[in-house]
């Protein structure tokens, strides 16, 4: 699927002074799609900046997949680029 500005990442917290923000993004897209440069076409406009963290929840996975990534770069023209990220949860072996 493609990113829709109707389902933007949500600002979860912001440090005093605005130097670091934490975001959460829920969709049916896997981390491998979300982390691609420019996926968040309006991320810079929303306030995403390099060094911010983002929790990515893939609601289409079974079980639901959860990963954490860092904003590697954010630009008004090119959009947001995320690091490869780390899967935190995904397996449910019982």
N, C-alpha and C. Protein backbone atom coordinates (compact mmCIF):
# COMPACT_ATOMS: atom_id res chain seq x y z
N UNK A 1 0.84 -1.18 0.00
CA UNK A 1 0.00 0.00 0.00
C UNK A 1 0.88 1.24 0.00
N UNK A 2 0.30 2.35 -0.27
CA UNK A 2 1.02 3.62 -0.28
C UNK A 2 0.59 4.46 0.91
N UNK A 3 1.45 5.36 1.29
CA UNK A 3 1.15 6.29 2.38
C UNK A 3 0.01 7.21 1.98
N UNK A 4 -0.86 7.49 2.93
CA UNK A 4 -1.96 8.43 2.72
C UNK A 4 -1.86 9.51 3.79
N UNK A 5 -1.95 10.75 3.39
CA UNK A 5 -1.90 11.85 4.35
C UNK A 5 -3.14 11.84 5.25
N UNK A 6 -4.13 11.01 4.94
CA UNK A 6 -5.30 10.85 5.80
C UNK A 6 -4.98 9.99 7.03
N UNK A 7 -3.83 9.32 7.00
CA UNK A 7 -3.39 8.48 8.13
C UNK A 7 -1.93 8.84 8.46
N UNK A 8 -1.70 10.05 8.97
CA UNK A 8 -0.33 10.47 9.23
C UNK A 8 0.21 9.85 10.52
N UNK A 9 1.54 9.86 10.68
CA UNK A 9 2.10 9.45 11.97
C UNK A 9 1.62 10.43 13.04
N UNK A 10 1.40 9.90 14.24
CA UNK A 10 0.92 10.74 15.34
C UNK A 10 2.08 11.11 16.24
N UNK A 11 2.14 12.37 16.64
CA UNK A 11 3.14 12.82 17.59
C UNK A 11 2.77 12.26 18.95
N UNK A 12 3.66 11.44 19.50
CA UNK A 12 3.41 10.78 20.79
C UNK A 12 3.95 11.59 21.95
N UNK A 13 5.15 12.16 21.78
CA UNK A 13 5.74 13.00 22.83
C UNK A 13 6.78 13.92 22.21
N UNK A 14 7.07 14.98 22.94
CA UNK A 14 8.07 15.95 22.48
C UNK A 14 8.84 16.44 23.69
N UNK A 15 10.16 16.43 23.60
CA UNK A 15 10.99 16.90 24.69
C UNK A 15 10.83 18.41 24.87
N UNK A 16 11.04 18.88 26.07
CA UNK A 16 11.01 20.32 26.33
C UNK A 16 12.03 20.98 25.41
N UNK A 17 11.64 22.00 24.74
CA UNK A 17 12.51 22.68 23.79
C UNK A 17 12.38 22.15 22.37
N UNK A 18 11.64 21.04 22.21
CA UNK A 18 11.34 20.51 20.88
C UNK A 18 12.50 19.86 20.16
N UNK A 19 13.57 19.49 20.88
CA UNK A 19 14.74 18.91 20.22
C UNK A 19 14.55 17.45 19.82
N UNK A 20 13.62 16.77 20.43
CA UNK A 20 13.38 15.36 20.09
C UNK A 20 11.89 15.08 20.16
N UNK A 21 11.41 14.38 19.16
CA UNK A 21 10.01 13.99 19.13
C UNK A 21 9.92 12.48 18.96
N UNK A 22 8.86 11.92 19.49
CA UNK A 22 8.58 10.50 19.34
C UNK A 22 7.23 10.37 18.63
N UNK A 23 7.22 9.54 17.59
CA UNK A 23 6.03 9.37 16.76
C UNK A 23 5.56 7.93 16.80
N UNK A 24 4.31 7.71 16.45
CA UNK A 24 3.79 6.36 16.27
C UNK A 24 2.99 6.35 14.97
N UNK A 25 3.17 5.26 14.21
CA UNK A 25 2.50 5.14 12.93
C UNK A 25 1.90 3.75 12.81
N UNK A 26 0.61 3.70 12.61
CA UNK A 26 -0.13 2.43 12.46
C UNK A 26 -0.70 2.36 11.05
N UNK A 27 -0.42 1.26 10.36
CA UNK A 27 -0.98 1.05 9.03
C UNK A 27 -0.89 -0.43 8.68
N UNK A 28 -1.25 -0.75 7.47
CA UNK A 28 -1.12 -2.12 6.97
C UNK A 28 0.21 -2.33 6.25
N UNK A 29 1.08 -1.32 6.25
CA UNK A 29 2.35 -1.40 5.54
C UNK A 29 3.45 -1.92 6.46
N UNK A 30 4.27 -2.81 5.94
CA UNK A 30 5.40 -3.36 6.68
C UNK A 30 6.52 -2.34 6.79
N UNK A 31 7.40 -2.56 7.76
CA UNK A 31 8.55 -1.68 7.96
C UNK A 31 9.35 -1.52 6.67
N UNK A 32 9.49 -2.58 5.89
CA UNK A 32 10.27 -2.52 4.65
C UNK A 32 9.72 -1.49 3.67
N UNK A 33 8.44 -1.18 3.74
CA UNK A 33 7.84 -0.15 2.89
C UNK A 33 7.91 1.23 3.53
N UNK A 34 7.64 1.28 4.82
CA UNK A 34 7.55 2.55 5.55
C UNK A 34 8.90 3.24 5.63
N UNK A 35 9.98 2.48 5.73
CA UNK A 35 11.30 3.09 5.92
C UNK A 35 11.91 3.67 4.63
N UNK A 36 11.26 3.47 3.49
CA UNK A 36 11.78 3.94 2.21
C UNK A 36 11.77 5.48 2.17
N UNK A 37 12.85 6.04 1.65
CA UNK A 37 12.97 7.49 1.54
C UNK A 37 11.76 8.09 0.82
N UNK A 38 11.13 9.08 1.44
CA UNK A 38 10.00 9.77 0.84
C UNK A 38 8.64 9.17 1.13
N UNK A 39 8.60 8.03 1.85
CA UNK A 39 7.29 7.41 2.17
C UNK A 39 6.39 8.42 2.87
N UNK A 40 6.92 9.07 3.90
CA UNK A 40 6.15 10.11 4.59
C UNK A 40 6.35 11.41 3.83
N UNK A 41 5.56 11.60 2.81
CA UNK A 41 5.72 12.75 1.91
C UNK A 41 5.49 14.09 2.62
N UNK A 42 4.70 14.09 3.68
CA UNK A 42 4.43 15.32 4.41
C UNK A 42 5.05 15.28 5.82
N UNK A 43 6.00 14.38 6.03
CA UNK A 43 6.60 14.23 7.36
C UNK A 43 7.28 15.49 7.86
N UNK A 44 8.00 16.17 6.99
CA UNK A 44 8.67 17.41 7.41
C UNK A 44 7.63 18.45 7.81
N UNK A 45 6.59 18.54 7.04
CA UNK A 45 5.50 19.49 7.32
C UNK A 45 4.84 19.18 8.68
N UNK A 46 4.76 17.88 9.03
CA UNK A 46 4.17 17.48 10.31
C UNK A 46 5.08 17.80 11.49
N UNK A 47 6.38 17.97 11.20
CA UNK A 47 7.33 18.27 12.27
C UNK A 47 8.39 17.21 12.49
N UNK A 48 8.43 16.18 11.65
CA UNK A 48 9.44 15.14 11.79
C UNK A 48 10.81 15.70 11.42
N UNK A 49 11.81 15.39 12.27
CA UNK A 49 13.16 15.88 12.06
C UNK A 49 14.16 14.76 12.31
N UNK A 50 15.35 14.91 11.74
CA UNK A 50 16.41 13.92 11.94
C UNK A 50 16.65 13.71 13.43
N UNK A 51 16.73 12.45 13.82
CA UNK A 51 16.94 12.09 15.22
C UNK A 51 15.67 11.74 15.97
N UNK A 52 14.52 12.09 15.42
CA UNK A 52 13.26 11.69 16.04
C UNK A 52 13.12 10.17 15.95
N UNK A 53 12.37 9.59 16.87
CA UNK A 53 12.10 8.15 16.81
C UNK A 53 10.65 7.94 16.37
N UNK A 54 10.42 6.77 15.76
CA UNK A 54 9.08 6.44 15.32
C UNK A 54 8.81 4.97 15.57
N UNK A 55 7.69 4.69 16.19
CA UNK A 55 7.21 3.33 16.39
C UNK A 55 6.31 3.00 15.20
N UNK A 56 6.57 1.88 14.56
CA UNK A 56 5.82 1.49 13.38
C UNK A 56 5.06 0.21 13.69
N UNK A 57 3.75 0.25 13.55
CA UNK A 57 2.90 -0.90 13.84
C UNK A 57 2.22 -1.34 12.55
N UNK A 58 2.56 -2.56 12.13
CA UNK A 58 1.98 -3.15 10.92
C UNK A 58 0.77 -3.97 11.36
N UNK A 59 -0.41 -3.41 11.18
CA UNK A 59 -1.63 -4.06 11.64
C UNK A 59 -2.07 -5.19 10.71
N UNK A 60 -1.43 -5.33 9.56
CA UNK A 60 -1.79 -6.37 8.61
C UNK A 60 -1.05 -7.68 8.89
N UNK A 61 0.03 -7.61 9.65
CA UNK A 61 0.81 -8.81 9.98
C UNK A 61 0.05 -9.65 10.99
N UNK A 62 0.36 -10.93 11.00
CA UNK A 62 -0.27 -11.83 11.97
C UNK A 62 0.80 -12.67 12.63
N UNK A 63 1.14 -12.38 13.88
CA UNK A 63 0.58 -11.36 14.74
C UNK A 63 1.03 -9.96 14.33
N UNK A 64 0.38 -8.96 14.89
CA UNK A 64 0.72 -7.57 14.58
C UNK A 64 2.21 -7.36 14.82
N UNK A 65 2.87 -6.67 13.90
CA UNK A 65 4.31 -6.45 13.96
C UNK A 65 4.58 -5.04 14.49
N UNK A 66 5.65 -4.93 15.29
CA UNK A 66 6.02 -3.66 15.91
C UNK A 66 7.51 -3.44 15.72
N UNK A 67 7.89 -2.27 15.24
CA UNK A 67 9.29 -1.94 15.02
C UNK A 67 9.55 -0.50 15.45
N UNK A 68 10.82 -0.21 15.69
CA UNK A 68 11.24 1.15 16.04
C UNK A 68 12.29 1.58 15.05
N UNK A 69 12.19 2.81 14.59
CA UNK A 69 13.13 3.36 13.64
C UNK A 69 13.49 4.78 14.07
N UNK A 70 14.49 5.33 13.43
CA UNK A 70 14.93 6.71 13.69
C UNK A 70 14.83 7.48 12.38
N UNK A 71 14.44 8.73 12.47
CA UNK A 71 14.41 9.58 11.28
C UNK A 71 15.86 9.91 10.93
N UNK A 72 16.33 9.40 9.80
CA UNK A 72 17.70 9.64 9.35
C UNK A 72 17.84 11.04 8.75
N UNK A 73 16.82 11.46 8.01
CA UNK A 73 16.81 12.80 7.43
C UNK A 73 15.37 13.22 7.17
N UNK A 74 15.17 14.52 7.19
CA UNK A 74 13.85 15.07 6.91
C UNK A 74 14.04 16.36 6.12
N UNK A 75 13.32 16.45 5.03
CA UNK A 75 13.49 17.56 4.11
C UNK A 75 12.13 17.93 3.53
N UNK A 76 11.89 19.21 3.36
CA UNK A 76 10.61 19.67 2.84
C UNK A 76 10.36 19.19 1.42
N UNK A 77 11.40 18.95 0.65
CA UNK A 77 11.26 18.52 -0.73
C UNK A 77 11.29 17.01 -0.87
N UNK A 78 12.28 16.36 -0.27
CA UNK A 78 12.48 14.92 -0.44
C UNK A 78 11.65 14.08 0.51
N UNK A 79 11.08 14.69 1.53
CA UNK A 79 10.31 13.93 2.51
C UNK A 79 11.20 13.40 3.61
N UNK A 80 10.76 12.34 4.24
CA UNK A 80 11.45 11.76 5.40
C UNK A 80 12.07 10.43 5.02
N UNK A 81 13.28 10.19 5.51
CA UNK A 81 13.97 8.93 5.31
C UNK A 81 14.23 8.32 6.69
N UNK A 82 13.83 7.06 6.86
CA UNK A 82 14.03 6.37 8.13
C UNK A 82 15.21 5.42 8.06
N UNK A 83 15.80 5.13 9.21
CA UNK A 83 16.81 4.07 9.29
C UNK A 83 16.11 2.74 9.06
N UNK A 84 16.89 1.67 8.91
CA UNK A 84 16.32 0.35 8.65
C UNK A 84 15.38 -0.10 9.76
N UNK A 85 15.62 0.35 10.97
CA UNK A 85 14.73 0.02 12.08
C UNK A 85 15.02 -1.33 12.70
N UNK A 86 14.40 -1.56 13.83
CA UNK A 86 14.57 -2.81 14.57
C UNK A 86 13.21 -3.35 14.93
N UNK A 87 12.99 -4.61 14.58
CA UNK A 87 11.74 -5.26 14.95
C UNK A 87 11.78 -5.55 16.45
N UNK A 88 10.76 -5.10 17.15
CA UNK A 88 10.68 -5.31 18.60
C UNK A 88 9.83 -6.52 18.91
N UNK A 89 8.75 -6.69 18.19
CA UNK A 89 7.86 -7.83 18.39
C UNK A 89 7.31 -8.26 17.04
N UNK A 90 7.05 -9.50 16.92
CA UNK A 90 6.49 -9.98 15.66
C UNK A 90 6.15 -11.46 15.76
N UNK A 91 6.95 -12.20 16.50
CA UNK A 91 6.70 -13.64 16.65
C UNK A 91 5.80 -13.91 17.83
N UNK A 92 4.98 -14.90 17.69
CA UNK A 92 4.13 -15.37 18.78
C UNK A 92 4.10 -16.90 18.66
N UNK A 93 5.03 -17.54 19.35
CA UNK A 93 5.25 -18.96 19.15
C UNK A 93 4.34 -19.88 19.95
N UNK A 94 3.44 -19.34 20.77
CA UNK A 94 2.59 -20.25 21.54
C UNK A 94 1.28 -20.55 20.89
